[in-house]
Structures are given as structure tokens and as C-alpha cells.
Amino acid sequence: MKNSESLKEFQKLNSAQITEKIEQLRKDLFDLRFKQATRQLNETHKFKTIKKQVAQLLTISKSQSASQTTSD
């Protein structure tokens, strides 16, 4: 259920907010990789959730840009 809620929240964002959120999630993913390399990471499940959120945001971003292109 949480994933569908976050997806609904993502769909409400505009393109600038989506870009900002993607950058933040990629930074978080980098930090997780760094923690994993230094053996400080305990929550390995976060890799999957963050990567999934990035993919969802990219999909929403592309669909928004495609709808803007067709409406113009």
C-alpha cells in the first residue's frame, strides 16, 4: 500500500519538483553505496525501494513531457 501512496504523491508533483526529488534520491543511493562499501549499512532493503522510486519518477517525468508535447 505504501508504494501506491507514494506513486500518487509523485504524480501530483510538477516537473521541477520531480527533477529535484530524483536528484535527492540519487544522492541517497550514493550515500547508501558508500555506507555499504564501508560496512556501515544495516538496511539493505533501501536500495530496492530507492531505485524503484527513481524509476517511478522517471516514468512520470517522461509521461508528463510526452503529454506536453502532444498538447502543444
Protein backbone atom coordinates (compact mmCIF):
# COMPACT_ATOMS: atom_id res chain seq x y z
CA MET A 1 0.00 0.00 0.00
CA LYS A 2 2.80 2.41 0.77
CA ASN A 3 4.20 2.21 -2.75
CA SER A 4 0.86 3.14 -4.30
CA GLU A 5 0.55 6.08 -1.91
CA SER A 6 3.98 7.34 -2.84
CA LEU A 7 3.16 6.89 -6.52
CA LYS A 8 0.05 9.04 -6.09
CA GLU A 9 2.13 11.66 -4.32
CA PHE A 10 4.71 11.57 -7.12
CA GLN A 11 2.02 12.11 -9.75
CA LYS A 12 0.97 15.35 -8.05
CA LEU A 13 4.44 16.88 -8.45
CA ASN A 14 5.39 19.21 -11.28
CA SER A 15 8.43 18.60 -13.47
CA ALA A 16 10.79 20.78 -11.42
CA GLN A 17 9.82 19.02 -8.21
CA ILE A 18 10.23 15.63 -9.88
CA THR A 19 13.73 16.55 -11.04
CA GLU A 20 14.63 17.75 -7.57
CA LYS A 21 13.26 14.56 -5.99
CA ILE A 22 15.20 12.38 -8.46
CA GLU A 23 18.43 14.21 -7.62
CA GLN A 24 17.78 13.76 -3.90
CA LEU A 25 17.06 10.04 -4.27
CA ARG A 26 20.19 9.53 -6.37
CA LYS A 27 22.22 11.28 -3.67
CA ASP A 28 20.64 8.99 -1.08
CA LEU A 29 21.51 5.98 -3.23
CA PHE A 30 25.12 7.18 -3.46
CA ASP A 31 25.24 7.54 0.32
CA LEU A 32 23.87 4.01 0.73
CA ARG A 33 26.52 2.63 -1.60
CA PHE A 34 29.19 4.45 0.36
CA LYS A 35 27.89 3.04 3.64
CA GLN A 36 27.76 -0.43 2.15
CA ALA A 37 31.36 -0.17 0.96
CA THR A 38 32.48 0.84 4.44
CA ARG A 39 30.30 -1.88 6.02
CA GLN A 40 28.13 0.57 7.94
CA LEU A 41 24.85 -0.24 6.20
CA ASN A 42 22.24 -2.21 8.12
CA GLU A 43 19.16 -1.52 6.00
CA THR A 44 19.97 -3.12 2.65
CA HIS A 45 16.31 -3.08 1.58
CA LYS A 46 16.56 0.66 0.99
CA PHE A 47 18.47 0.03 -2.27
CA LYS A 48 15.43 -1.60 -3.81
CA THR A 49 12.94 0.99 -2.62
CA ILE A 50 15.02 3.99 -3.69
CA LYS A 51 15.78 2.51 -7.11
CA LYS A 52 12.08 1.78 -7.57
CA GLN A 53 11.14 5.34 -6.59
CA VAL A 54 13.67 6.77 -9.06
CA ALA A 55 12.22 4.59 -11.82
CA GLN A 56 8.68 5.70 -10.95
CA LEU A 57 9.68 9.35 -11.00
CA LEU A 58 11.46 8.98 -14.33
CA THR A 59 8.40 7.28 -15.81
CA ILE A 60 6.11 10.04 -14.56
CA SER A 61 8.51 12.68 -15.88
CA LYS A 62 8.61 11.11 -19.34
CA SER A 63 4.83 10.73 -19.47
CA GLN A 64 4.37 14.38 -18.46
CA SER A 65 6.80 15.56 -21.12
CA ALA A 66 5.09 13.37 -23.71
CA SER A 67 1.68 14.76 -22.81
CA GLN A 68 3.02 18.32 -23.04
CA THR A 69 4.46 17.57 -26.47
CA THR A 70 1.18 16.18 -27.77
CA SER A 71 -0.87 19.04 -26.32
CA ASP A 72 1.33 21.71 -27.92
